[in-house]
Amino acid sequence: MSFSHHLFFCLNQRSNGDDCCDRHNAFALFEYAKNRVRELGLAGPGKIRVNKAGCLDRCAQGPVLVIYPEGVWYTMVDQEDVEEIIQSHLIKGLPVKRLQLDS
């Protein structure tokens, strides 16, 4: 495996007025995660990759992030939630139960 973890942030946009992750600040949370992972020295081959994703089909629960290889799904509200996911799940190996969605 070329990365220990892949983070996929749904950045789907819907122009028809339906709910989507984009309407819930998903891009800003993606950017925060990408920058923090880099700042913490966790990015790169063999480490963590933060990816953009299209629709992950969980629009009503957005914004949505899924982390592989574990397949853990999260919803988050702000940068503090993303930071908790980084510190707990990615660094300590402990998924953040309060932010998890059913997979």
PDB file of N, CA and C in Angstrom:
ATOM      1  N   MET A   1       0.846  -1.177   0.000  1.00  0.00           N
ATOM      2  CA  MET A   1       0.000   0.000   0.000  1.00  0.00           C
ATOM      3  C   MET A   1       0.889   1.236   0.000  1.00  0.00           C
ATOM      4  N   SER A   2       0.585   2.216  -0.825  1.00  0.00           N
ATOM      5  CA  SER A   2       1.442   3.391  -0.920  1.00  0.00           C
ATOM      6  C   SER A   2       1.162   4.432   0.155  1.00  0.00           C
ATOM      7  N   PHE A   3      -0.001   4.345   0.838  1.00  0.00           N
ATOM      8  CA  PHE A   3      -0.323   5.254   1.932  1.00  0.00           C
ATOM      9  C   PHE A   3      -0.897   4.436   3.084  1.00  0.00           C
ATOM     10  N   SER A   4      -0.637   4.863   4.305  1.00  0.00           N
ATOM     11  CA  SER A   4      -1.209   4.156   5.455  1.00  0.00           C
ATOM     12  C   SER A   4      -2.700   4.439   5.589  1.00  0.00           C
ATOM     13  N   HIS A   5      -3.104   5.651   5.232  1.00  0.00           N
ATOM     14  CA  HIS A   5      -4.511   6.050   5.303  1.00  0.00           C
ATOM     15  C   HIS A   5      -4.859   6.956   4.126  1.00  0.00           C
ATOM     16  N   HIS A   6      -6.069   6.788   3.643  1.00  0.00           N
ATOM     17  CA  HIS A   6      -6.658   7.708   2.668  1.00  0.00           C
ATOM     18  C   HIS A   6      -7.861   8.356   3.326  1.00  0.00           C
ATOM     19  N   LEU A   7      -7.931   9.667   3.273  1.00  0.00           N
ATOM     20  CA  LEU A   7      -9.093  10.411   3.757  1.00  0.00           C
ATOM     21  C   LEU A   7      -9.825  10.934   2.539  1.00  0.00           C
ATOM     22  N   PHE A   8     -11.077  10.581   2.395  1.00  0.00           N
ATOM     23  CA  PHE A   8     -11.896  11.050   1.283  1.00  0.00           C
ATOM     24  C   PHE A   8     -12.963  11.992   1.814  1.00  0.00           C
ATOM     25  N   PHE A   9     -12.876  13.258   1.413  1.00  0.00           N
ATOM     26  CA  PHE A   9     -13.855  14.273   1.789  1.00  0.00           C
ATOM     27  C   PHE A   9     -14.841  14.455   0.643  1.00  0.00           C
ATOM     28  N   CYS A  10     -16.113  14.271   0.925  1.00  0.00           N
ATOM     29  CA  CYS A  10     -17.125  14.545  -0.096  1.00  0.00           C
ATOM     30  C   CYS A  10     -17.181  16.046  -0.318  1.00  0.00           C
ATOM     31  N   LEU A  11     -16.972  16.473  -1.553  1.00  0.00           N
ATOM     32  CA  LEU A  11     -17.044  17.885  -1.922  1.00  0.00           C
ATOM     33  C   LEU A  11     -18.122  18.103  -2.981  1.00  0.00           C
ATOM     34  N   ASN A  12     -19.107  17.217  -2.998  1.00  0.00           N
ATOM     35  CA  ASN A  12     -20.151  17.277  -4.009  1.00  0.00           C
ATOM     36  C   ASN A  12     -20.933  18.589  -3.937  1.00  0.00           C
ATOM     37  N   GLN A  13     -21.222  19.135  -5.117  1.00  0.00           N
ATOM     38  CA  GLN A  13     -22.026  20.351  -5.256  1.00  0.00           C
ATOM     39  C   GLN A  13     -23.276  20.013  -6.055  1.00  0.00           C
ATOM     40  N   ARG A  14     -24.416  20.519  -5.605  1.00  0.00           N
ATOM     41  CA  ARG A  14     -25.666  20.318  -6.333  1.00  0.00           C
ATOM     42  C   ARG A  14     -26.263  21.678  -6.651  1.00  0.00           C
ATOM     43  N   SER A  15     -26.500  21.906  -7.921  1.00  0.00           N
ATOM     44  CA  SER A  15     -27.028  23.201  -8.348  1.00  0.00           C
ATOM     45  C   SER A  15     -28.553  23.258  -8.304  1.00  0.00           C
ATOM     46  N   ASN A  16     -29.221  22.139  -8.031  1.00  0.00           N
ATOM     47  CA  ASN A  16     -30.677  22.100  -8.047  1.00  0.00           C
ATOM     48  C   ASN A  16     -31.308  22.473  -6.707  1.00  0.00           C
ATOM     49  N   GLY A  17     -30.487  22.851  -5.719  1.00  0.00           N
ATOM     50  CA  GLY A  17     -31.020  23.238  -4.424  1.00  0.00           C
ATOM     51  C   GLY A  17     -31.069  22.119  -3.401  1.00  0.00           C
ATOM     52  N   ASP A  18     -30.827  20.871  -3.833  1.00  0.00           N
ATOM     53  CA  ASP A  18     -30.806  19.750  -2.892  1.00  0.00           C
ATOM     54  C   ASP A  18     -29.598  19.875  -1.965  1.00  0.00           C
ATOM     55  N   ASP A  19     -29.735  19.287  -0.785  1.00  0.00           N
ATOM     56  CA  ASP A  19     -28.658  19.328   0.193  1.00  0.00           C
ATOM     57  C   ASP A  19     -27.431  18.596  -0.347  1.00  0.00           C
ATOM     58  N   CYS A  20     -26.263  19.070   0.043  1.00  0.00           N
ATOM     59  CA  CYS A  20     -25.004  18.445  -0.361  1.00  0.00           C
ATOM     60  C   CYS A  20     -23.917  18.879   0.605  1.00  0.00           C
ATOM     61  N   CYS A  21     -22.828  18.147   0.610  1.00  0.00           N
ATOM     62  CA  CYS A  21     -21.730  18.446   1.526  1.00  0.00           C
ATOM     63  C   CYS A  21     -21.148  19.844   1.298  1.00  0.00           C
ATOM     64  N   ASP A  22     -21.117  20.282   0.063  1.00  0.00           N
ATOM     65  CA  ASP A  22     -20.581  21.600  -0.253  1.00  0.00           C
ATOM     66  C   ASP A  22     -21.309  22.703   0.516  1.00  0.00           C
ATOM     67  N   ARG A  23     -22.569  22.542   0.759  1.00  0.00           N
ATOM     68  CA  ARG A  23     -23.362  23.552   1.480  1.00  0.00           C
ATOM     69  C   ARG A  23     -23.078  23.553   2.972  1.00  0.00           C
ATOM     70  N   HIS A  24     -22.277  22.615   3.427  1.00  0.00           N
ATOM     71  CA  HIS A  24     -21.954  22.509   4.848  1.00  0.00           C
ATOM     72  C   HIS A  24     -20.470  22.719   5.116  1.00  0.00           C
ATOM     73  N   ASN A  25     -19.842  23.582   4.317  1.00  0.00           N
ATOM     74  CA  ASN A  25     -18.455  23.988   4.539  1.00  0.00           C
ATOM     75  C   ASN A  25     -17.436  22.868   4.302  1.00  0.00           C
ATOM     76  N   ALA A  26     -17.773  21.892   3.478  1.00  0.00           N
ATOM     77  CA  ALA A  26     -16.906  20.735   3.264  1.00  0.00           C
ATOM     78  C   ALA A  26     -15.543  21.116   2.693  1.00  0.00           C
ATOM     79  N   PHE A  27     -15.507  22.057   1.755  1.00  0.00           N
ATOM     80  CA  PHE A  27     -14.221  22.392   1.134  1.00  0.00           C
ATOM     81  C   PHE A  27     -13.266  23.002   2.156  1.00  0.00           C
ATOM     82  N   ALA A  28     -13.766  23.875   3.011  1.00  0.00           N
ATOM     83  CA  ALA A  28     -12.906  24.490   4.036  1.00  0.00           C
ATOM     84  C   ALA A  28     -12.382  23.429   5.006  1.00  0.00           C
ATOM     85  N   LEU A  29     -13.217  22.462   5.362  1.00  0.00           N
ATOM     86  CA  LEU A  29     -12.780  21.393   6.261  1.00  0.00           C
ATOM     87  C   LEU A  29     -11.752  20.487   5.583  1.00  0.00           C
ATOM     88  N   PHE A  30     -11.942  20.224   4.284  1.00  0.00           N
ATOM     89  CA  PHE A  30     -10.962  19.470   3.495  1.00  0.00           C
ATOM     90  C   PHE A  30      -9.615  20.198   3.492  1.00  0.00           C
ATOM     91  N   GLU A  31      -9.638  21.485   3.205  1.00  0.00           N
ATOM     92  CA  GLU A  31      -8.404  22.283   3.164  1.00  0.00           C
ATOM     93  C   GLU A  31      -7.712  22.283   4.524  1.00  0.00           C
ATOM     94  N   TYR A  32      -8.493  22.421   5.579  1.00  0.00           N
ATOM     95  CA  TYR A  32      -7.917  22.392   6.922  1.00  0.00           C
ATOM     96  C   TYR A  32      -7.213  21.053   7.162  1.00  0.00           C
ATOM     97  N   ALA A  33      -7.882  19.946   6.865  1.00  0.00           N
ATOM     98  CA  ALA A  33      -7.292  18.622   7.073  1.00  0.00           C
ATOM     99  C   ALA A  33      -6.022  18.459   6.254  1.00  0.00           C
ATOM    100  N   LYS A  34      -6.076  18.847   5.000  1.00  0.00           N
ATOM    101  CA  LYS A  34      -4.910  18.707   4.115  1.00  0.00           C
ATOM    102  C   LYS A  34      -3.710  19.493   4.670  1.00  0.00           C
ATOM    103  N   ASN A  35      -3.968  20.726   5.079  1.00  0.00           N
ATOM    104  CA  ASN A  35      -2.895  21.561   5.619  1.00  0.00           C
ATOM    105  C   ASN A  35      -2.369  21.035   6.949  1.00  0.00           C
ATOM    106  N   ARG A  36      -3.253  20.584   7.846  1.00  0.00           N
ATOM    107  CA  ARG A  36      -2.828  20.070   9.154  1.00  0.00           C
ATOM    108  C   ARG A  36      -2.010  18.795   9.010  1.00  0.00           C
ATOM    109  N   VAL A  37      -2.461  17.888   8.159  1.00  0.00           N
ATOM    110  CA  VAL A  37      -1.716  16.648   7.944  1.00  0.00           C
ATOM    111  C   VAL A  37      -0.313  16.974   7.433  1.00  0.00           C
ATOM    112  N   ARG A  38      -0.222  17.941   6.540  1.00  0.00           N
ATOM    113  CA  ARG A  38       1.091  18.365   6.023  1.00  0.00           C
ATOM    114  C   ARG A  38       1.925  19.008   7.147  1.00  0.00           C
ATOM    115  N   GLU A  39       1.307  19.940   7.906  1.00  0.00           N
ATOM    116  CA  GLU A  39       2.018  20.624   8.997  1.00  0.00           C
ATOM    117  C   GLU A  39       2.563  19.651  10.033  1.00  0.00           C
ATOM    118  N   LEU A  40       1.813  18.604  10.307  1.00  0.00           N
ATOM    119  CA  LEU A  40       2.206  17.629  11.313  1.00  0.00           C
ATOM    120  C   LEU A  40       3.201  16.593  10.787  1.00  0.00           C
ATOM    121  N   GLY A  41       3.577  16.711   9.518  1.00  0.00           N
ATOM    122  CA  GLY A  41       4.536  15.779   8.926  1.00  0.00           C
ATOM    123  C   GLY A  41       3.961  14.402   8.662  1.00  0.00           C
ATOM    124  N   LEU A  42       2.627  14.341   8.519  1.00  0.00           N
ATOM    125  CA  LEU A  42       1.953  13.059   8.315  1.00  0.00           C
ATOM    126  C   LEU A  42       1.646  12.768   6.857  1.00  0.00           C
ATOM    127  N   ALA A  43       1.934  13.703   5.959  1.00  0.00           N
ATOM    128  CA  ALA A  43       1.603  13.546   4.541  1.00  0.00           C
ATOM    129  C   ALA A  43       2.757  12.905   3.783  1.00  0.00           C
ATOM    130  N   GLY A  44       2.403  12.211   2.715  1.00  0.00           N
ATOM    131  CA  GLY A  44       3.424  11.666   1.831  1.00  0.00           C
ATOM    132  C   GLY A  44       3.354  10.163   1.703  1.00  0.00           C
ATOM    133  N   PRO A  45       4.156   9.614   0.805  1.00  0.00           N
ATOM    134  CA  PRO A  45       4.169   8.166   0.575  1.00  0.00           C
ATOM    135  C   PRO A  45       4.392   7.399   1.876  1.00  0.00           C
ATOM    136  N   GLY A  46       3.599   6.362   2.061  1.00  0.00           N
ATOM    137  CA  GLY A  46       3.685   5.565   3.270  1.00  0.00           C
ATOM    138  C   GLY A  46       2.976   6.172   4.454  1.00  0.00           C
ATOM    139  N   LYS A  47       2.459   7.372   4.263  1.00  0.00           N
ATOM    140  CA  LYS A  47       1.802   8.081   5.357  1.00  0.00           C
ATOM    141  C   LYS A  47       0.335   8.310   4.990  1.00  0.00           C
ATOM    142  N   ILE A  48      -0.118   9.553   5.093  1.00  0.00           N
ATOM    143  CA  ILE A  48      -1.537   9.879   4.921  1.00  0.00           C
ATOM    144  C   ILE A  48      -1.754  10.700   3.660  1.00  0.00           C
ATOM    145  N   ARG A  49      -2.821  10.385   2.954  1.00  0.00           N
ATOM    146  CA  ARG A  49      -3.236  11.121   1.752  1.00  0.00           C
ATOM    147  C   ARG A  49      -4.639  11.664   1.998  1.00  0.00           C
ATOM    148  N   VAL A  50      -4.812  12.972   1.814  1.00  0.00           N
ATOM    149  CA  VAL A  50      -6.120  13.625   1.952  1.00  0.00           C
ATOM    150  C   VAL A  50      -6.636  13.882   0.543  1.00  0.00           C
ATOM    151  N   ASN A  51      -7.781  13.276   0.210  1.00  0.00           N
ATOM    152  CA  ASN A  51      -8.327  13.326  -1.143  1.00  0.00           C
ATOM    153  C   ASN A  51      -9.680  14.025  -1.211  1.00  0.00           C
ATOM    154  N   LYS A  52      -9.934  14.629  -2.366  1.00  0.00           N
ATOM    155  CA  LYS A  52     -11.266  15.133  -2.704  1.00  0.00           C
ATOM    156  C   LYS A  52     -12.072  13.972  -3.259  1.00  0.00           C
ATOM    157  N   ALA A  53     -13.351  13.944  -2.934  1.00  0.00           N
ATOM    158  CA  ALA A  53     -14.230  12.921  -3.500  1.00  0.00           C
ATOM    159  C   ALA A  53     -15.489  13.597  -4.018  1.00  0.00           C
ATOM    160  N   GLY A  54     -16.092  12.955  -5.003  1.00  0.00           N
ATOM    161  CA  GLY A  54     -17.411  13.379  -5.445  1.00  0.00           C
ATOM    162  C   GLY A  54     -18.428  12.868  -4.454  1.00  0.00           C
ATOM    163  N   CYS A  55     -19.643  12.763  -4.854  1.00  0.00           N
ATOM    164  CA  CYS A  55     -20.722  12.363  -3.964  1.00  0.00           C
ATOM    165  C   CYS A  55     -20.459  10.995  -3.342  1.00  0.00           C
ATOM    166  N   LEU A  56     -20.544  10.943  -2.021  1.00  0.00           N
ATOM    167  CA  LEU A  56     -20.412   9.684  -1.283  1.00  0.00           C
ATOM    168  C   LEU A  56     -21.782   9.170  -0.851  1.00  0.00           C
ATOM    169  N   ASP A  57     -22.830   9.789  -1.359  1.00  0.00           N
ATOM    170  CA  ASP A  57     -24.220   9.359  -1.164  1.00  0.00           C
ATOM    171  C   ASP A  57     -24.666   9.393   0.295  1.00  0.00           C
ATOM    172  N   ARG A  58     -24.194  10.405   1.025  1.00  0.00           N
ATOM    173  CA  ARG A  58     -24.607  10.609   2.428  1.00  0.00           C
ATOM    174  C   ARG A  58     -24.949  12.089   2.615  1.00  0.00           C
ATOM    175  N   CYS A  59     -25.590  12.684   1.627  1.00  0.00           N
ATOM    176  CA  CYS A  59     -25.803  14.133   1.577  1.00  0.00           C
ATOM    177  C   CYS A  59     -26.481  14.693   2.825  1.00  0.00           C
ATOM    178  N   ALA A  60     -27.462  14.015   3.348  1.00  0.00           N
ATOM    179  CA  ALA A  60     -28.203  14.516   4.507  1.00  0.00           C
ATOM    180  C   ALA A  60     -27.368  14.475   5.780  1.00  0.00           C
ATOM    181  N   GLN A  61     -26.234  13.786   5.757  1.00  0.00           N
ATOM    182  CA  GLN A  61     -25.391  13.665   6.936  1.00  0.00           C
ATOM    183  C   GLN A  61     -24.116  14.484   6.821  1.00  0.00           C
ATOM    184  N   GLY A  62     -24.037  15.325   5.812  1.00  0.00           N
ATOM    185  CA  GLY A  62     -22.805  16.023   5.501  1.00  0.00           C
ATOM    186  C   GLY A  62     -22.478  17.155   6.435  1.00  0.00           C
ATOM    187  N   PRO A  63     -21.228  17.599   6.353  1.00  0.00           N
ATOM    188  CA  PRO A  63     -20.184  17.089   5.482  1.00  0.00           C
ATOM    189  C   PRO A  63     -19.691  15.721   5.934  1.00  0.00           C
ATOM    190  N   VAL A  64     -19.239  14.951   4.956  1.00  0.00           N
ATOM    191  CA  VAL A  64     -18.865  13.566   5.201  1.00  0.00           C
ATOM    192  C   VAL A  64     -17.416  13.320   4.799  1.00  0.00           C
ATOM    193  N   LEU A  65     -16.765  12.495   5.611  1.00  0.00           N
ATOM    194  CA  LEU A  65     -15.385  12.057   5.402  1.00  0.00           C
ATOM    195  C   LEU A  65     -15.358  10.560   5.665  1.00  0.00           C
ATOM    196  N   VAL A  66     -14.647   9.812   4.829  1.00  0.00           N
ATOM    197  CA  VAL A  66     -14.428   8.394   5.105  1.00  0.00           C
ATOM    198  C   VAL A  66     -12.926   8.134   5.092  1.00  0.00           C
ATOM    199  N   ILE A  67     -12.478   7.354   6.063  1.00  0.00           N
ATOM    200  CA  ILE A  67     -11.056   7.042   6.192  1.00  0.00           C
ATOM    201  C   ILE A  67     -10.847   5.561   5.905  1.00  0.00           C
ATOM    202  N   TYR A  68      -9.954   5.296   4.947  1.00  0.00           N
ATOM    203  CA  TYR A  68      -9.556   3.931   4.617  1.00  0.00           C
ATOM    204  C   TYR A  68      -8.111   3.740   4.999  1.00  0.00           C
ATOM    205  N   PRO A  69      -7.700   2.538   5.426  1.00  0.00           N
ATOM    206  CA  PRO A  69      -8.315   1.263   5.095  1.00  0.00           C
ATOM    207  C   PRO A  69      -9.409   0.819   6.065  1.00  0.00           C
ATOM    208  N   GLU A  70      -9.615   1.526   7.174  1.00  0.00           N
ATOM    209  CA  GLU A  70     -10.584   1.077   8.167  1.00  0.00           C
ATOM    210  C   GLU A  70     -12.030   1.169   7.687  1.00  0.00           C
ATOM    211  N   GLY A  71     -12.314   2.100   6.776  1.00  0.00           N
ATOM    212  CA  GLY A  71     -13.681   2.298   6.321  1.00  0.00           C
ATOM    213  C   GLY A  71     -14.547   2.981   7.366  1.00  0.00           C
ATOM    214  N   VAL A  72     -13.956   3.888   8.126  1.00  0.00           N
ATOM    215  CA  VAL A  72     -14.689   4.618   9.161  1.00  0.00           C
ATOM    216  C   VAL A  72     -15.243   5.903   8.554  1.00  0.00           C
ATOM    217  N   TRP A  73     -16.558   6.084   8.712  1.00  0.00           N
ATOM    218  CA  TRP A  73     -17.269   7.257   8.185  1.00  0.00           C
ATOM    219  C   TRP A  73     -17.489   8.275   9.293  1.00  0.00           C
ATOM    220  N   TYR A  74     -17.230   9.542   8.954  1.00  0.00           N
ATOM    221  CA  TYR A  74     -17.415  10.632   9.913  1.00  0.00           C
ATOM    222  C   TYR A  74     -18.268  11.739   9.306  1.00  0.00           C
ATOM    223  N   THR A  75     -18.927  12.448  10.195  1.00  0.00           N
ATOM    224  CA  THR A  75     -19.486  13.750   9.874  1.00  0.00           C
ATOM    225  C   THR A  75     -18.820  14.721  10.838  1.00  0.00           C
ATOM    226  N   MET A  76     -18.669  15.954  10.423  1.00  0.00           N
ATOM    227  CA  MET A  76     -18.002  16.935  11.273  1.00  0.00           C
ATOM    228  C   MET A  76     -18.629  18.297  11.027  1.00  0.00           C
ATOM    229  N   VAL A  77     -18.451  19.190  11.990  1.00  0.00           N
ATOM    230  CA  VAL A  77     -19.070  20.502  11.906  1.00  0.00           C
ATOM    231  C   VAL A  77     -18.042  21.598  11.664  1.00  0.00           C
ATOM    232  N   ASP A  78     -16.885  21.468  12.312  1.00  0.00           N
ATOM    233  CA  ASP A  78     -15.918  22.565  12.260  1.00  0.00           C
ATOM    234  C   ASP A  78     -14.485  22.019  12.320  1.00  0.00           C
ATOM    235  N   GLN A  79     -13.535  22.944  12.326  1.00  0.00           N
ATOM    236  CA  GLN A  79     -12.121  22.557  12.339  1.00  0.00           C
ATOM    237  C   GLN A  79     -11.738  21.788  13.601  1.00  0.00           C
ATOM    238  N   GLU A  80     -12.397  22.086  14.714  1.00  0.00           N
ATOM    239  CA  GLU A  80     -12.110  21.372  15.951  1.00  0.00           C
ATOM    240  C   GLU A  80     -12.449  19.885  15.803  1.00  0.00           C
ATOM    241  N   ASP A  81     -13.558  19.577  15.103  1.00  0.00           N
ATOM    242  CA  ASP A  81     -13.911  18.175  14.856  1.00  0.00           C
ATOM    243  C   ASP A  81     -12.861  17.497  13.984  1.00  0.00           C
ATOM    244  N   VAL A  82     -12.416  18.189  12.948  1.00  0.00           N
ATOM    245  CA  VAL A  82     -11.391  17.628  12.059  1.00  0.00           C
ATOM    246  C   VAL A  82     -10.096  17.403  12.838  1.00  0.00           C
ATOM    247  N   GLU A  83      -9.735  18.350  13.671  1.00  0.00           N
ATOM    248  CA  GLU A  83      -8.527  18.217  14.485  1.00  0.00           C
ATOM    249  C   GLU A  83      -8.635  17.011  15.424  1.00  0.00           C
ATOM    250  N   GLU A  84      -9.811  16.806  16.008  1.00  0.00           N
ATOM    251  CA  GLU A  84     -10.007  15.649  16.887  1.00  0.00           C
ATOM    252  C   GLU A  84      -9.849  14.338  16.110  1.00  0.00           C
ATOM    253  N   ILE A  85     -10.361  14.295  14.892  1.00  0.00           N
ATOM    254  CA  ILE A  85     -10.208  13.100  14.050  1.00  0.00           C
ATOM    255  C   ILE A  85      -8.734  12.853  13.736  1.00  0.00           C
ATOM    256  N   ILE A  86      -8.011  13.907  13.405  1.00  0.00           N
ATOM    257  CA  ILE A  86      -6.579  13.772  13.103  1.00  0.00           C
ATOM    258  C   ILE A  86      -5.826  13.267  14.334  1.00  0.00           C
ATOM    259  N   GLN A  87      -6.029  13.929  15.467  1.00  0.00           N
ATOM    260  CA  GLN A  87      -5.282  13.586  16.675  1.00  0.00           C
ATOM    261  C   GLN A  87      -5.644  12.197  17.205  1.00  0.00           C
ATOM    262  N   SER A  88      -6.926  11.876  17.224  1.00  0.00           N
ATOM    263  CA  SER A  88      -7.357  10.616  17.815  1.00  0.00           C
ATOM    264  C   SER A  88      -7.250   9.442  16.838  1.00  0.00           C
ATOM    265  N   HIS A  89      -7.894   9.564  15.680  1.00  0.00           N
ATOM    266  CA  HIS A  89      -7.933   8.433  14.740  1.00  0.00           C
ATOM    267  C   HIS A  89      -6.595   8.236  14.031  1.00  0.00           C
ATOM    268  N   LEU A  90      -6.064   9.295  13.472  1.00  0.00           N
ATOM    269  CA  LEU A  90      -4.871   9.141  12.636  1.00  0.00           C
ATOM    270  C   LEU A  90      -3.581   9.017  13.432  1.00  0.00           C
ATOM    271  N   ILE A  91      -3.469   9.745  14.536  1.00  0.00           N
ATOM    272  CA  ILE A  91      -2.225   9.707  15.304  1.00  0.00           C
ATOM    273  C   ILE A  91      -2.261   8.611  16.364  1.00  0.00           C
ATOM    274  N   LYS A  92      -3.376   8.517  17.107  1.00  0.00           N
ATOM    275  CA  LYS A  92      -3.452   7.556  18.208  1.00  0.00           C
ATOM    276  C   LYS A  92      -4.112   6.232  17.826  1.00  0.00           C
ATOM    277  N   GLY A  93      -4.747   6.186  16.645  1.00  0.00           N
ATOM    278  CA  GLY A  93      -5.408   4.955  16.218  1.00  0.00           C
ATOM    279  C   GLY A  93      -6.738   4.698  16.898  1.00  0.00           C
ATOM    280  N   LEU A  94      -7.342   5.746  17.467  1.00  0.00           N
ATOM    281  CA  LEU A  94      -8.607   5.616  18.186  1.00  0.00           C
ATOM    282  C   LEU A  94      -9.707   6.383  17.453  1.00  0.00           C
ATOM    283  N   PRO A  95     -10.614   5.685  16.771  1.00  0.00           N
ATOM    284  CA  PRO A  95     -11.711   6.376  16.083  1.00  0.00           C
ATOM    285  C   PRO A  95     -12.511   7.247  17.054  1.00  0.00           C
ATOM    286  N   VAL A  96     -13.052   8.330  16.541  1.00  0.00           N
ATOM    287  CA  VAL A  96     -13.821   9.287  17.334  1.00  0.00           C
ATOM    288  C   VAL A  96     -15.288   8.882  17.254  1.00  0.00           C
ATOM    289  N   LYS A  97     -15.751   8.179  18.266  1.00  0.00           N
ATOM    290  CA  LYS A  97     -17.104   7.607  18.266  1.00  0.00           C
ATOM    291  C   LYS A  97     -18.188   8.665  18.068  1.00  0.00           C
ATOM    292  N   ARG A  98     -18.074   9.815  18.717  1.00  0.00           N
ATOM    293  CA  ARG A  98     -19.141  10.815  18.675  1.00  0.00           C
ATOM    294  C   ARG A  98     -19.366  11.403  17.279  1.00  0.00           C
ATOM    295  N   LEU A  99     -18.378  11.293  16.411  1.00  0.00           N
ATOM    296  CA  LEU A  99     -18.487  11.850  15.060  1.00  0.00           C
ATOM    297  C   LEU A  99     -18.735  10.782  14.002  1.00  0.00           C
ATOM    298  N   GLN A 100     -18.736   9.516  14.401  1.00  0.00           N
ATOM    299  CA  GLN A 100     -18.888   8.422  13.437  1.00  0.00           C
ATOM    300  C   GLN A 100     -20.305   8.286  12.916  1.00  0.00           C
ATOM    301  N   LEU A 101     -20.387   7.903  11.650  1.00  0.00           N
ATOM    302  CA  LEU A 101     -21.643   7.522  11.016  1.00  0.00           C
ATOM    303  C   LEU A 101     -21.662   6.006  10.875  1.00  0.00           C
ATOM    304  N   ASP A 102     -22.832   5.443  10.768  1.00  0.00           N
ATOM    305  CA  ASP A 102     -22.914   4.015  10.486  1.00  0.00           C
ATOM    306  C   ASP A 102     -22.353   3.770   9.095  1.00  0.00           C
ATOM    307  N   SER A 103     -21.495   2.747   8.970  1.00  0.00           N
ATOM    308  CA  SER A 103     -20.895   2.477   7.654  1.00  0.00           C
ATOM    309  C   SER A 103     -21.800   1.649   6.783  1.00  0.00           C
TER     310      SER A 103
END
